């Protein structure tokens, strides 16, 4: 069995569900309580990939922002990939993701990433249309409509990110 680890940063505006998504993925839990992340919170989760490969994702849940300062850039150093999270009930959070992606890619280069359009359990309150989602799929290679509350597509999205990281960083294992 081959085991590797990779640092992954979760990026997005405040209150889009970054921490809840990590909690759902790592512990299969959800809490209705909103807790603001200050700085960064780190969790880990092993992901089994094809070819008897296990990838330990070291998940850096970076405090919500719509633009990075020097401190946030320091958190991104050494990342192997990004989870970009926006809130379907607040379409402006998509612009924040675009800015954060651009800033991180400008500073550290293009890395594997997945885009999570979160809060699928609240689609009646969504500000993001089907047409908006189609355009996002053209702009971002891997878009998932997710719900941290129900778990919809969270494991699929992060599993896909793990595969992309393994293909890029550990190609001989595939």
Protein backbone atom coordinates (compact mmCIF):
# COMPACT_ATOMS: atom_id res chain seq x y z
CA UNK A 1 0.00 0.00 0.00
CA UNK A 2 1.25 3.48 -0.90
CA UNK A 3 0.51 6.32 1.52
CA UNK A 4 0.97 10.00 0.78
CA UNK A 5 -0.19 13.25 2.32
CA UNK A 6 -1.24 16.53 0.76
CA UNK A 7 -2.12 19.93 2.15
CA UNK A 8 -5.44 21.27 0.86
CA UNK A 9 -6.75 24.77 1.61
CA UNK A 10 -10.46 25.54 1.82
CA UNK A 11 -11.15 29.02 0.45
CA UNK A 12 -14.25 31.17 0.31
CA UNK A 13 -16.09 34.12 1.78
CA UNK A 14 -17.42 34.08 5.34
CA UNK A 15 -20.43 31.87 6.17
CA UNK A 16 -20.42 29.86 2.92
CA UNK A 17 -20.09 26.56 4.78
CA UNK A 18 -16.35 25.85 4.64
CA UNK A 19 -16.06 24.61 8.23
CA UNK A 20 -19.34 22.69 7.99
CA UNK A 21 -18.15 21.01 4.78
CA UNK A 22 -14.92 19.91 6.45
CA UNK A 23 -16.86 18.66 9.50
CA UNK A 24 -19.21 16.68 7.22
CA UNK A 25 -16.29 15.18 5.28
CA UNK A 26 -14.05 14.36 8.26
CA UNK A 27 -16.61 13.37 10.92
CA UNK A 28 -19.86 12.94 8.96
CA UNK A 29 -21.49 15.51 11.22
CA UNK A 30 -23.28 18.85 10.86
CA UNK A 31 -24.07 21.49 13.44
CA UNK A 32 -26.59 24.31 13.09
CA UNK A 33 -24.37 26.51 15.28
CA UNK A 34 -22.34 29.04 13.33
CA UNK A 35 -18.78 29.37 14.56
CA UNK A 36 -16.50 31.85 12.84
CA UNK A 37 -13.08 30.44 12.00
CA UNK A 38 -10.28 32.68 13.23
CA UNK A 39 -7.02 32.18 11.38
CA UNK A 40 -6.98 28.56 10.28
CA UNK A 41 -8.36 25.25 11.55
CA UNK A 42 -6.62 22.02 10.50
CA UNK A 43 -8.19 18.56 10.15
CA UNK A 44 -7.12 15.37 8.39
CA UNK A 45 -8.90 12.62 6.51
CA UNK A 46 -7.54 9.56 4.71
CA UNK A 47 -8.94 9.01 1.22
CA UNK A 48 -8.58 5.65 -0.52
CA UNK A 49 -7.69 6.00 -4.18
CA UNK A 50 -7.29 3.48 -6.97
CA UNK A 51 -4.25 1.26 -7.08
CA UNK A 52 -4.09 0.61 -3.32
CA UNK A 53 -3.16 4.24 -2.64
CA UNK A 54 -4.17 6.18 0.46
CA UNK A 55 -3.93 9.95 0.43
CA UNK A 56 -4.08 11.78 3.75
CA UNK A 57 -5.71 15.13 3.07
CA UNK A 58 -4.48 17.75 5.54
CA UNK A 59 -7.37 20.21 5.33
CA UNK A 60 -6.58 23.84 6.15
CA UNK A 61 -9.87 25.65 6.77
CA UNK A 62 -8.81 29.27 6.21
CA UNK A 63 -10.95 32.01 7.79
CA UNK A 64 -13.55 33.40 5.38
CA UNK A 65 -12.58 36.40 3.31
CA UNK A 66 -13.24 37.86 -0.11
CA UNK A 67 -9.60 38.94 -0.59
CA UNK A 68 -6.31 37.68 0.86
CA UNK A 69 -3.90 39.61 3.05
CA UNK A 70 -0.32 38.57 3.74
CA UNK A 71 -1.37 36.30 6.60
CA UNK A 72 -3.78 34.28 4.48
CA UNK A 73 -1.15 33.93 1.75
CA UNK A 74 1.18 32.37 4.33
CA UNK A 75 -1.48 29.72 5.07
CA UNK A 76 -1.59 28.75 1.38
CA UNK A 77 2.14 28.09 1.07
CA UNK A 78 2.83 24.43 0.29
CA UNK A 79 -0.74 23.56 -0.69
CA UNK A 80 -1.31 20.77 -3.18
CA UNK A 81 -4.87 21.81 -3.98
CA UNK A 82 -7.83 24.02 -3.16
CA UNK A 83 -11.46 23.58 -2.25
CA UNK A 84 -13.27 26.72 -3.42
CA UNK A 85 -16.62 27.21 -1.67
CA UNK A 86 -19.48 29.57 -2.54
CA UNK A 87 -22.99 29.84 -1.10
CA UNK A 88 -25.86 29.28 -3.53
CA UNK A 89 -28.08 31.55 -1.44
CA UNK A 90 -25.63 34.46 -1.85
CA UNK A 91 -24.50 34.81 -5.44
CA UNK A 92 -21.93 37.47 -4.55
CA UNK A 93 -19.87 34.77 -2.84
CA UNK A 94 -19.06 33.43 -6.32
CA UNK A 95 -17.21 36.67 -7.08
CA UNK A 96 -15.24 36.19 -3.86
CA UNK A 97 -14.23 32.69 -5.02
CA UNK A 98 -13.10 34.07 -8.37
CA UNK A 99 -10.93 36.67 -6.62
CA UNK A 100 -9.46 34.17 -4.16
CA UNK A 101 -8.70 31.68 -6.93
CA UNK A 102 -7.02 34.37 -9.02
CA UNK A 103 -4.96 35.63 -6.08
CA UNK A 104 -3.86 32.15 -5.01
CA UNK A 105 -3.02 31.03 -8.54
CA UNK A 106 -1.10 34.27 -9.19
CA UNK A 107 0.96 33.75 -6.03
CA UNK A 108 1.47 29.96 -6.01
CA UNK A 109 0.55 28.75 -9.49
CA UNK A 110 -2.36 26.70 -10.73
CA UNK A 111 -3.19 23.74 -8.52
CA UNK A 112 -5.90 21.09 -8.63
CA UNK A 113 -9.16 22.47 -7.29
CA UNK A 114 -12.85 21.76 -6.91
CA UNK A 115 -15.58 24.38 -6.75
CA UNK A 116 -18.38 23.67 -4.29
CA UNK A 117 -21.64 25.54 -4.75
CA UNK A 118 -22.86 24.87 -1.23
CA UNK A 119 -26.21 24.86 0.57
CA UNK A 120 -28.10 22.65 -1.90
CA UNK A 121 -30.52 21.93 0.93
CA UNK A 122 -31.70 25.56 0.61
CA UNK A 123 -32.32 25.69 -3.16
CA UNK A 124 -35.61 27.54 -2.68
CA UNK A 125 -33.52 30.44 -1.37
CA UNK A 126 -30.85 30.25 -4.08
CA UNK A 127 -29.76 33.28 -6.03
CA UNK A 128 -27.83 31.10 -8.50
CA UNK A 129 -29.81 30.03 -11.57
CA UNK A 130 -29.34 26.92 -13.70
CA UNK A 131 -27.76 29.18 -16.34
CA UNK A 132 -25.33 30.56 -13.74
CA UNK A 133 -24.41 26.99 -12.82
CA UNK A 134 -23.82 26.12 -16.48
CA UNK A 135 -21.46 29.09 -16.82
CA UNK A 136 -19.63 28.08 -13.65
CA UNK A 137 -19.11 24.59 -15.10
CA UNK A 138 -17.46 26.21 -18.12
CA UNK A 139 -15.28 28.46 -15.96
CA UNK A 140 -14.27 25.91 -13.30
CA UNK A 141 -13.36 22.38 -14.34
CA UNK A 142 -14.86 20.56 -11.35
CA UNK A 143 -18.08 22.11 -10.02
CA UNK A 144 -20.19 20.30 -7.44
CA UNK A 145 -23.52 21.35 -5.98
CA UNK A 146 -23.12 20.35 -2.34
CA UNK A 147 -24.79 20.47 1.02
CA UNK A 148 -22.72 20.28 4.17
CA UNK A 149 -25.98 19.76 6.05
CA UNK A 150 -27.09 16.64 4.16
CA UNK A 151 -23.69 15.58 2.84
CA UNK A 152 -24.77 15.71 -0.82
CA UNK A 153 -21.73 15.49 -3.11
CA UNK A 154 -19.20 16.43 -0.39
CA UNK A 155 -17.37 13.09 -0.44
CA UNK A 156 -17.52 12.90 -4.25
CA UNK A 157 -16.01 16.38 -4.62
CA UNK A 158 -13.19 15.86 -2.15
CA UNK A 159 -12.51 12.38 -3.51
CA UNK A 160 -12.15 13.88 -6.99
CA UNK A 161 -9.75 16.49 -5.62
CA UNK A 162 -7.70 13.70 -4.03
CA UNK A 163 -7.51 11.90 -7.37
CA UNK A 164 -6.35 15.06 -9.15
CA UNK A 165 -3.68 15.70 -6.52
CA UNK A 166 -2.43 12.11 -6.77
CA UNK A 167 -2.30 12.30 -10.58
CA UNK A 168 -0.30 15.53 -10.42
CA UNK A 169 1.99 14.92 -7.41
CA UNK A 170 2.31 11.12 -7.33
CA UNK A 171 1.83 9.97 -10.95
CA UNK A 172 3.66 6.67 -10.54
CA UNK A 173 1.02 5.49 -8.06
CA UNK A 174 -1.82 5.64 -10.58
